[in-house]
Amino acid sequence: EDYYEDLAGKPVTFMVTVKHIYVAKELTDELAKELTGDKEMTKDGLIAKYRELLEERAENVFESNRLDATWSKIFDSIEIVELPTELIDGYYQFDMKYYETYAKYYGVTLETMLKYLGYTEELVYEEAKNNVLTDMIVYSVIKAENITIDDAEYEEKLAEFIKTNEWDREELESQY
């Protein structure tokens, strides 16, 4: 029913040619060494390594979903009276400048880049509004819970952020 318009709801036949059938080798200690390049790797060690990676990925997905659900609940439970337009405009201009720089790097127009990324200027503006709202919520929680950070914690987190995102410290601090 949801197929291409001229074929939707009609029976179709697909002709395929099988060019190769891959038969996986039985996992042995030798294959584990070969696959990893680690002369000490064993079959059980490789299985344990991949189990750990899969469990870590599942934990990250779970945590991300939990965070998304929390934010959704927060957004659904608040009433927006008014958002500061100067902050929205600031986020919007910052994001548009980012996309413009990105477009120039690839030698395309801003409009083409936005289209390629699945954005419109209106969506970028809506995202800017959501960023302002998120900032206001976080600030409200920080204030209500009297959350503080000392200089050592600030320096540690700033250094992490700069390293991860490859920002210049002065530029980052002037932005925020």
N, C-alpha and C. Protein backbone atom coordinates (compact mmCIF):
# COMPACT_ATOMS: atom_id res chain seq x y z
N GLU A 1 0.81 -1.22 0.00
CA GLU A 1 0.00 0.00 0.00
C GLU A 1 0.84 1.26 0.00
N ASP A 2 1.97 1.24 0.69
CA ASP A 2 2.79 2.46 0.80
C ASP A 2 3.91 2.50 -0.23
N TYR A 3 3.89 1.62 -1.21
CA TYR A 3 4.98 1.56 -2.18
C TYR A 3 4.86 2.69 -3.19
N TYR A 4 5.79 2.77 -4.11
CA TYR A 4 5.76 3.83 -5.12
C TYR A 4 4.38 3.94 -5.74
N GLU A 5 4.00 5.17 -6.06
CA GLU A 5 2.65 5.49 -6.50
C GLU A 5 2.14 4.56 -7.60
N ASP A 6 2.96 4.32 -8.63
CA ASP A 6 2.49 3.49 -9.74
C ASP A 6 2.44 2.00 -9.40
N LEU A 7 3.03 1.60 -8.27
CA LEU A 7 3.01 0.20 -7.86
C LEU A 7 2.21 -0.04 -6.58
N ALA A 8 1.78 1.01 -5.94
CA ALA A 8 1.09 0.88 -4.65
C ALA A 8 -0.14 -0.02 -4.79
N GLY A 9 -0.22 -1.00 -3.90
CA GLY A 9 -1.38 -1.88 -3.85
C GLY A 9 -1.40 -2.95 -4.94
N LYS A 10 -0.38 -3.00 -5.79
CA LYS A 10 -0.33 -3.97 -6.88
C LYS A 10 0.68 -5.06 -6.55
N PRO A 11 0.41 -6.27 -7.05
CA PRO A 11 1.42 -7.33 -6.86
C PRO A 11 2.65 -7.04 -7.73
N VAL A 12 3.82 -7.26 -7.20
CA VAL A 12 5.05 -7.04 -7.95
C VAL A 12 5.96 -8.25 -7.80
N THR A 13 6.82 -8.42 -8.77
CA THR A 13 7.82 -9.49 -8.74
C THR A 13 9.18 -8.85 -8.88
N PHE A 14 10.09 -9.20 -8.02
CA PHE A 14 11.45 -8.69 -8.09
C PHE A 14 12.36 -9.82 -8.55
N MET A 15 13.17 -9.55 -9.54
CA MET A 15 14.15 -10.52 -10.02
C MET A 15 15.49 -10.13 -9.43
N VAL A 16 16.15 -11.06 -8.79
CA VAL A 16 17.45 -10.80 -8.20
C VAL A 16 18.44 -11.85 -8.65
N THR A 17 19.69 -11.49 -8.68
CA THR A 17 20.75 -12.43 -8.99
C THR A 17 21.65 -12.52 -7.77
N VAL A 18 21.80 -13.69 -7.23
CA VAL A 18 22.68 -13.90 -6.09
C VAL A 18 24.08 -14.10 -6.64
N LYS A 19 24.98 -13.20 -6.30
CA LYS A 19 26.33 -13.26 -6.84
C LYS A 19 27.32 -13.90 -5.89
N HIS A 20 26.94 -13.92 -4.63
CA HIS A 20 27.87 -14.49 -3.65
C HIS A 20 27.09 -14.88 -2.40
N ILE A 21 27.46 -16.00 -1.85
CA ILE A 21 26.92 -16.41 -0.56
C ILE A 21 28.11 -16.53 0.38
N TYR A 22 28.05 -15.75 1.44
CA TYR A 22 29.12 -15.76 2.42
C TYR A 22 28.76 -16.71 3.55
N VAL A 23 29.65 -17.63 3.80
CA VAL A 23 29.45 -18.55 4.91
C VAL A 23 30.45 -18.17 5.99
N ALA A 24 29.93 -17.76 7.13
CA ALA A 24 30.79 -17.33 8.22
C ALA A 24 31.60 -18.51 8.75
N LYS A 25 32.86 -18.20 9.04
CA LYS A 25 33.73 -19.23 9.61
C LYS A 25 33.34 -19.46 11.06
N GLU A 26 33.63 -20.64 11.54
CA GLU A 26 33.40 -20.93 12.95
C GLU A 26 34.42 -20.13 13.75
N LEU A 27 33.94 -19.50 14.81
CA LEU A 27 34.82 -18.68 15.64
C LEU A 27 35.71 -19.59 16.47
N THR A 28 37.00 -19.44 16.26
CA THR A 28 38.01 -20.20 17.01
C THR A 28 39.00 -19.21 17.59
N ASP A 29 39.90 -19.71 18.44
CA ASP A 29 40.94 -18.85 18.99
C ASP A 29 41.81 -18.27 17.87
N GLU A 30 42.10 -19.08 16.86
CA GLU A 30 42.93 -18.62 15.74
C GLU A 30 42.23 -17.50 14.96
N LEU A 31 40.94 -17.67 14.70
CA LEU A 31 40.19 -16.64 13.99
C LEU A 31 40.10 -15.37 14.82
N ALA A 32 39.93 -15.50 16.12
CA ALA A 32 39.89 -14.33 17.01
C ALA A 32 41.19 -13.56 16.93
N LYS A 33 42.31 -14.26 16.91
CA LYS A 33 43.62 -13.61 16.79
C LYS A 33 43.72 -12.90 15.44
N GLU A 34 43.28 -13.58 14.37
CA GLU A 34 43.34 -13.03 13.02
C GLU A 34 42.47 -11.78 12.88
N LEU A 35 41.27 -11.82 13.41
CA LEU A 35 40.34 -10.70 13.29
C LEU A 35 40.79 -9.47 14.05
N THR A 36 41.44 -9.68 15.18
CA THR A 36 41.82 -8.55 16.03
C THR A 36 43.27 -8.12 15.88
N GLY A 37 44.11 -9.01 15.32
CA GLY A 37 45.53 -8.70 15.24
C GLY A 37 46.21 -8.80 16.59
N ASP A 38 45.51 -9.36 17.56
CA ASP A 38 46.02 -9.50 18.91
C ASP A 38 46.42 -10.96 19.12
N LYS A 39 47.72 -11.21 19.29
CA LYS A 39 48.21 -12.59 19.42
C LYS A 39 47.73 -13.29 20.69
N GLU A 40 47.24 -12.50 21.65
CA GLU A 40 46.77 -13.06 22.91
C GLU A 40 45.25 -13.28 22.92
N MET A 41 44.55 -12.83 21.89
CA MET A 41 43.09 -12.90 21.86
C MET A 41 42.63 -14.35 21.73
N THR A 42 41.56 -14.65 22.46
CA THR A 42 40.94 -15.97 22.37
C THR A 42 39.49 -15.80 21.92
N LYS A 43 38.88 -16.92 21.56
CA LYS A 43 37.47 -16.90 21.18
C LYS A 43 36.63 -16.32 22.31
N ASP A 44 36.84 -16.82 23.52
CA ASP A 44 36.07 -16.35 24.67
C ASP A 44 36.37 -14.88 24.98
N GLY A 45 37.61 -14.46 24.79
CA GLY A 45 37.97 -13.07 25.02
C GLY A 45 37.28 -12.14 24.02
N LEU A 46 37.21 -12.58 22.76
CA LEU A 46 36.54 -11.77 21.73
C LEU A 46 35.05 -11.67 22.00
N ILE A 47 34.46 -12.78 22.39
CA ILE A 47 33.03 -12.77 22.72
C ILE A 47 32.78 -11.83 23.90
N ALA A 48 33.63 -11.90 24.92
CA ALA A 48 33.48 -11.04 26.10
C ALA A 48 33.64 -9.57 25.71
N LYS A 49 34.60 -9.30 24.82
CA LYS A 49 34.84 -7.92 24.39
C LYS A 49 33.61 -7.36 23.68
N TYR A 50 33.03 -8.15 22.77
CA TYR A 50 31.85 -7.69 22.04
C TYR A 50 30.62 -7.61 22.93
N ARG A 51 30.51 -8.51 23.88
CA ARG A 51 29.40 -8.43 24.83
C ARG A 51 29.49 -7.13 25.61
N GLU A 52 30.70 -6.79 26.05
CA GLU A 52 30.90 -5.54 26.80
C GLU A 52 30.55 -4.33 25.94
N LEU A 53 30.98 -4.33 24.67
CA LEU A 53 30.66 -3.23 23.76
C LEU A 53 29.15 -3.11 23.55
N LEU A 54 28.47 -4.23 23.35
CA LEU A 54 27.03 -4.21 23.15
C LEU A 54 26.29 -3.74 24.40
N GLU A 55 26.74 -4.20 25.57
CA GLU A 55 26.12 -3.76 26.81
C GLU A 55 26.32 -2.27 27.03
N GLU A 56 27.52 -1.77 26.69
CA GLU A 56 27.79 -0.33 26.82
C GLU A 56 26.90 0.46 25.87
N ARG A 57 26.77 -0.02 24.63
CA ARG A 57 25.92 0.67 23.66
C ARG A 57 24.47 0.66 24.13
N ALA A 58 24.00 -0.47 24.65
CA ALA A 58 22.61 -0.56 25.14
C ALA A 58 22.40 0.39 26.31
N GLU A 59 23.39 0.48 27.18
CA GLU A 59 23.30 1.39 28.32
C GLU A 59 23.23 2.84 27.85
N ASN A 60 24.03 3.19 26.84
CA ASN A 60 24.02 4.55 26.30
C ASN A 60 22.68 4.87 25.65
N VAL A 61 22.12 3.91 24.92
CA VAL A 61 20.81 4.11 24.29
C VAL A 61 19.75 4.28 25.36
N PHE A 62 19.79 3.44 26.39
CA PHE A 62 18.83 3.53 27.49
C PHE A 62 18.92 4.90 28.15
N GLU A 63 20.14 5.34 28.44
CA GLU A 63 20.33 6.63 29.12
C GLU A 63 19.84 7.78 28.24
N SER A 64 20.13 7.69 26.95
CA SER A 64 19.67 8.72 26.02
C SER A 64 18.15 8.77 25.96
N ASN A 65 17.51 7.60 25.89
CA ASN A 65 16.04 7.54 25.88
C ASN A 65 15.44 8.06 27.18
N ARG A 66 16.09 7.75 28.29
CA ARG A 66 15.61 8.24 29.59
C ARG A 66 15.69 9.75 29.66
N LEU A 67 16.80 10.29 29.16
CA LEU A 67 16.98 11.74 29.14
C LEU A 67 15.95 12.40 28.23
N ASP A 68 15.74 11.83 27.05
CA ASP A 68 14.72 12.36 26.13
C ASP A 68 13.34 12.34 26.76
N ALA A 69 13.00 11.26 27.44
CA ALA A 69 11.69 11.14 28.09
C ALA A 69 11.55 12.18 29.20
N THR A 70 12.63 12.41 29.93
CA THR A 70 12.60 13.41 31.00
C THR A 70 12.35 14.80 30.42
N TRP A 71 13.09 15.14 29.36
CA TRP A 71 12.91 16.45 28.74
C TRP A 71 11.50 16.58 28.16
N SER A 72 10.99 15.52 27.56
CA SER A 72 9.63 15.57 27.01
C SER A 72 8.62 15.86 28.11
N LYS A 73 8.79 15.18 29.25
CA LYS A 73 7.87 15.40 30.37
C LYS A 73 7.97 16.84 30.87
N ILE A 74 9.17 17.37 30.94
CA ILE A 74 9.35 18.75 31.38
C ILE A 74 8.68 19.70 30.40
N PHE A 75 8.97 19.53 29.11
CA PHE A 75 8.38 20.42 28.10
C PHE A 75 6.86 20.34 28.08
N ASP A 76 6.33 19.14 28.29
CA ASP A 76 4.88 18.97 28.28
C ASP A 76 4.20 19.57 29.51
N SER A 77 4.98 19.77 30.58
CA SER A 77 4.36 20.20 31.83
C SER A 77 4.51 21.70 32.11
N ILE A 78 5.11 22.42 31.20
CA ILE A 78 5.28 23.85 31.45
C ILE A 78 4.40 24.68 30.52
N GLU A 79 4.12 25.87 30.98
CA GLU A 79 3.39 26.82 30.15
C GLU A 79 4.35 27.95 29.80
N ILE A 80 4.52 28.17 28.51
CA ILE A 80 5.43 29.21 28.06
C ILE A 80 4.64 30.51 27.95
N VAL A 81 5.04 31.48 28.73
CA VAL A 81 4.39 32.78 28.70
C VAL A 81 5.06 33.64 27.62
N GLU A 82 6.37 33.77 27.75
CA GLU A 82 7.11 34.56 26.77
C GLU A 82 8.58 34.17 26.86
N LEU A 83 9.22 34.07 25.70
CA LEU A 83 10.65 33.81 25.66
C LEU A 83 11.36 35.08 25.19
N PRO A 84 12.54 35.36 25.75
CA PRO A 84 13.26 36.57 25.36
C PRO A 84 13.72 36.50 23.90
N THR A 85 13.16 37.37 23.06
CA THR A 85 13.46 37.32 21.63
C THR A 85 14.92 37.59 21.32
N GLU A 86 15.59 38.39 22.15
CA GLU A 86 17.01 38.66 21.88
C GLU A 86 17.85 37.40 22.05
N LEU A 87 17.47 36.53 22.99
CA LEU A 87 18.20 35.27 23.14
C LEU A 87 17.88 34.33 21.99
N ILE A 88 16.62 34.26 21.59
CA ILE A 88 16.24 33.42 20.45
C ILE A 88 17.01 33.88 19.21
N ASP A 89 17.00 35.20 18.97
CA ASP A 89 17.71 35.74 17.81
C ASP A 89 19.19 35.42 17.86
N GLY A 90 19.77 35.46 19.06
CA GLY A 90 21.19 35.13 19.22
C GLY A 90 21.49 33.70 18.82
N TYR A 91 20.69 32.77 19.33
CA TYR A 91 20.85 31.35 18.95
C TYR A 91 20.64 31.18 17.45
N TYR A 92 19.61 31.82 16.92
CA TYR A 92 19.28 31.69 15.50
C TYR A 92 20.44 32.19 14.64
N GLN A 93 20.97 33.38 14.95
CA GLN A 93 22.08 33.94 14.17
C GLN A 93 23.32 33.05 14.27
N PHE A 94 23.59 32.55 15.47
CA PHE A 94 24.75 31.67 15.68
C PHE A 94 24.61 30.42 14.82
N ASP A 95 23.42 29.79 14.85
CA ASP A 95 23.19 28.56 14.07
C ASP A 95 23.25 28.83 12.57
N MET A 96 22.64 29.93 12.13
CA MET A 96 22.65 30.25 10.71
C MET A 96 24.08 30.52 10.22
N LYS A 97 24.87 31.19 11.06
CA LYS A 97 26.27 31.44 10.69
C LYS A 97 27.03 30.11 10.60
N TYR A 98 26.74 29.20 11.51
CA TYR A 98 27.36 27.88 11.48
C TYR A 98 27.02 27.17 10.16
N TYR A 99 25.74 27.14 9.80
CA TYR A 99 25.32 26.47 8.58
C TYR A 99 25.88 27.17 7.34
N GLU A 100 26.00 28.48 7.40
CA GLU A 100 26.57 29.24 6.29
C GLU A 100 28.04 28.87 6.10
N THR A 101 28.77 28.78 7.19
CA THR A 101 30.19 28.39 7.13
C THR A 101 30.32 26.98 6.57
N TYR A 102 29.47 26.10 7.05
CA TYR A 102 29.44 24.71 6.59
C TYR A 102 29.15 24.67 5.09
N ALA A 103 28.21 25.47 4.62
CA ALA A 103 27.83 25.52 3.20
C ALA A 103 29.02 26.00 2.37
N LYS A 104 29.70 27.06 2.82
CA LYS A 104 30.86 27.58 2.09
C LYS A 104 31.95 26.52 1.98
N TYR A 105 32.15 25.78 3.06
CA TYR A 105 33.17 24.73 3.07
C TYR A 105 32.89 23.71 1.97
N TYR A 106 31.62 23.38 1.76
CA TYR A 106 31.24 22.40 0.74
C TYR A 106 30.92 23.03 -0.61
N GLY A 107 31.03 24.36 -0.69
CA GLY A 107 30.83 25.03 -1.95
C GLY A 107 29.39 25.04 -2.43
N VAL A 108 28.45 25.11 -1.48
CA VAL A 108 27.03 25.17 -1.83
C VAL A 108 26.40 26.39 -1.16
N THR A 109 25.19 26.70 -1.57
CA THR A 109 24.49 27.83 -0.95
C THR A 109 23.96 27.42 0.42
N LEU A 110 23.64 28.41 1.21
CA LEU A 110 23.04 28.17 2.52
C LEU A 110 21.74 27.39 2.36
N GLU A 111 20.92 27.80 1.40
CA GLU A 111 19.63 27.14 1.17
C GLU A 111 19.83 25.66 0.84
N THR A 112 20.82 25.37 -0.01
CA THR A 112 21.12 23.98 -0.38
C THR A 112 21.56 23.19 0.84
N MET A 113 22.42 23.80 1.66
CA MET A 113 22.92 23.10 2.85
C MET A 113 21.77 22.80 3.81
N LEU A 114 20.91 23.79 4.04
CA LEU A 114 19.77 23.58 4.94
C LEU A 114 18.87 22.47 4.40
N LYS A 115 18.62 22.50 3.10
CA LYS A 115 17.78 21.48 2.48
C LYS A 115 18.41 20.10 2.64
N TYR A 116 19.72 20.02 2.42
CA TYR A 116 20.45 18.77 2.54
C TYR A 116 20.35 18.22 3.97
N LEU A 117 20.40 19.11 4.95
CA LEU A 117 20.33 18.70 6.36
C LEU A 117 18.89 18.49 6.85
N GLY A 118 17.93 18.78 5.97
CA GLY A 118 16.53 18.61 6.35
C GLY A 118 15.99 19.77 7.17
N TYR A 119 16.60 20.94 7.03
CA TYR A 119 16.18 22.12 7.76
C TYR A 119 15.59 23.17 6.84
N THR A 120 14.85 24.06 7.45
CA THR A 120 14.43 25.31 6.82
C THR A 120 14.82 26.40 7.80
N GLU A 121 14.76 27.64 7.35
CA GLU A 121 15.06 28.74 8.28
C GLU A 121 14.07 28.74 9.44
N GLU A 122 12.82 28.36 9.15
CA GLU A 122 11.80 28.31 10.20
C GLU A 122 12.14 27.24 11.25
N LEU A 123 12.63 26.10 10.79
CA LEU A 123 13.01 25.04 11.73
C LEU A 123 14.22 25.45 12.57
N VAL A 124 15.16 26.15 11.96
CA VAL A 124 16.32 26.64 12.71
C VAL A 124 15.85 27.61 13.79
N TYR A 125 14.88 28.46 13.44
CA TYR A 125 14.34 29.41 14.42
C TYR A 125 13.62 28.67 15.55
N GLU A 126 12.85 27.64 15.21
CA GLU A 126 12.16 26.85 16.24
C GLU A 126 13.17 26.16 17.15
N GLU A 127 14.26 25.67 16.56
CA GLU A 127 15.31 25.04 17.35
C GLU A 127 15.95 26.07 18.29
N ALA A 128 16.12 27.29 17.80
CA ALA A 128 16.66 28.37 18.64
C ALA A 128 15.73 28.63 19.83
N LYS A 129 14.43 28.65 19.57
CA LYS A 129 13.46 28.84 20.66
C LYS A 129 13.56 27.70 21.68
N ASN A 130 13.69 26.47 21.19
CA ASN A 130 13.83 25.32 22.11
C ASN A 130 15.12 25.41 22.91
N ASN A 131 16.18 25.91 22.31
CA ASN A 131 17.44 26.07 23.04
C ASN A 131 17.30 27.09 24.15
N VAL A 132 16.62 28.19 23.86
CA VAL A 132 16.40 29.21 24.89
C VAL A 132 15.54 28.64 26.01
N LEU A 133 14.49 27.93 25.65
CA LEU A 133 13.62 27.32 26.65
C LEU A 133 14.40 26.32 27.51
N THR A 134 15.21 25.51 26.88
CA THR A 134 16.04 24.55 27.61
C THR A 134 16.97 25.27 28.57
N ASP A 135 17.62 26.33 28.09
CA ASP A 135 18.50 27.12 28.97
C ASP A 135 17.74 27.65 30.17
N MET A 136 16.54 28.17 29.93
CA MET A 136 15.75 28.74 31.02
C MET A 136 15.35 27.67 32.04
N ILE A 137 15.00 26.49 31.55
CA ILE A 137 14.64 25.39 32.45
C ILE A 137 15.85 24.99 33.28
N VAL A 138 16.98 24.80 32.63
CA VAL A 138 18.20 24.40 33.35
C VAL A 138 18.56 25.46 34.39
N TYR A 139 18.51 26.73 33.99
CA TYR A 139 18.82 27.81 34.92
C TYR A 139 17.86 27.79 36.12
N SER A 140 16.58 27.56 35.84
CA SER A 140 15.58 27.52 36.92
C SER A 140 15.86 26.38 37.90
N VAL A 141 16.24 25.23 37.37
CA VAL A 141 16.56 24.08 38.24
C VAL A 141 17.80 24.39 39.06
N ILE A 142 18.82 24.94 38.41
CA ILE A 142 20.06 25.30 39.11
C ILE A 142 19.77 26.27 40.25
N LYS A 143 18.96 27.26 39.97
CA LYS A 143 18.62 28.27 40.98
C LYS A 143 17.77 27.65 42.10
N ALA A 144 16.75 26.88 41.73
CA ALA A 144 15.85 26.29 42.73
C ALA A 144 16.58 25.30 43.63
N GLU A 145 17.52 24.56 43.05
CA GLU A 145 18.24 23.54 43.83
C GLU A 145 19.54 24.07 44.43
N ASN A 146 19.82 25.36 44.19
CA ASN A 146 21.03 25.99 44.70
C ASN A 146 22.29 25.20 44.30
N ILE A 147 22.35 24.83 43.04
CA ILE A 147 23.49 24.07 42.52
C ILE A 147 24.61 25.05 42.20
N THR A 148 25.79 24.74 42.67
CA THR A 148 26.94 25.59 42.42
C THR A 148 28.09 24.74 41.87
N ILE A 149 29.07 25.40 41.33
CA ILE A 149 30.27 24.73 40.84
C ILE A 149 31.45 25.55 41.31
N ASP A 150 32.47 24.88 41.83
CA ASP A 150 33.64 25.63 42.29
C ASP A 150 34.62 25.80 41.11
N ASP A 151 35.64 26.60 41.33
CA ASP A 151 36.58 26.93 40.27
C ASP A 151 37.28 25.68 39.71
N ALA A 152 37.63 24.75 40.58
CA ALA A 152 38.32 23.53 40.13
C ALA A 152 37.41 22.70 39.22
N GLU A 153 36.14 22.55 39.61
CA GLU A 153 35.17 21.80 38.78
C GLU A 153 34.97 22.51 37.43
N TYR A 154 34.88 23.83 37.49
CA TYR A 154 34.70 24.62 36.26
C TYR A 154 35.87 24.37 35.30
N GLU A 155 37.08 24.48 35.82
CA GLU A 155 38.28 24.30 34.98
C GLU A 155 38.34 22.89 34.40
N GLU A 156 37.97 21.90 35.22
CA GLU A 156 38.00 20.50 34.77
C GLU A 156 36.99 20.28 33.63
N LYS A 157 35.76 20.73 33.83
CA LYS A 157 34.71 20.54 32.81
C LYS A 157 35.00 21.35 31.56
N LEU A 158 35.54 22.56 31.74
CA LEU A 158 35.88 23.40 30.61
C LEU A 158 36.98 22.73 29.77
N ALA A 159 37.99 22.21 30.43
CA ALA A 159 39.09 21.53 29.72
C ALA A 159 38.56 20.32 28.95
N GLU A 160 37.66 19.54 29.56
CA GLU A 160 37.04 18.39 28.89
C GLU A 160 36.29 18.83 27.65
N PHE A 161 35.46 19.86 27.82
CA PHE A 161 34.64 20.35 26.71
C PHE A 161 35.50 20.87 25.57
N ILE A 162 36.53 21.64 25.90
CA ILE A 162 37.42 22.20 24.89
C ILE A 162 38.13 21.08 24.13
N LYS A 163 38.59 20.08 24.86
CA LYS A 163 39.30 18.96 24.21
C LYS A 163 38.35 18.17 23.31
N THR A 164 37.16 17.87 23.80
CA THR A 164 36.19 17.08 23.04
C THR A 164 35.72 17.81 21.80
N ASN A 165 35.46 19.11 21.92
CA ASN A 165 34.86 19.88 20.83
C ASN A 165 35.85 20.73 20.04
N GLU A 166 37.12 20.68 20.45
CA GLU A 166 38.18 21.42 19.76
C GLU A 166 37.87 22.91 19.63
N TRP A 167 37.48 23.51 20.74
CA TRP A 167 37.19 24.95 20.77
C TRP A 167 38.39 25.69 21.34
N ASP A 168 38.47 26.95 21.02
CA ASP A 168 39.42 27.86 21.63
C ASP A 168 38.78 28.38 22.91
N ARG A 169 39.53 28.37 24.02
CA ARG A 169 38.96 28.74 25.31
C ARG A 169 38.38 30.15 25.31
N GLU A 170 39.13 31.14 24.80
CA GLU A 170 38.65 32.50 24.82
C GLU A 170 37.38 32.66 24.00
N GLU A 171 37.37 32.01 22.83
CA GLU A 171 36.17 32.10 21.97
C GLU A 171 34.98 31.46 22.67
N LEU A 172 35.19 30.33 23.29
CA LEU A 172 34.11 29.64 23.99
C LEU A 172 33.56 30.49 25.13
N GLU A 173 34.45 31.02 25.95
CA GLU A 173 33.99 31.82 27.09
C GLU A 173 33.32 33.12 26.62
N SER A 174 33.78 33.69 25.53
CA SER A 174 33.12 34.92 25.06
C SER A 174 31.73 34.61 24.51
N GLN A 175 31.55 33.42 23.92
CA GLN A 175 30.24 33.02 23.41
C GLN A 175 29.23 32.80 24.54
N TYR A 176 29.71 32.24 25.65
CA TYR A 176 28.79 31.86 26.72
C TYR A 176 28.96 32.71 27.94
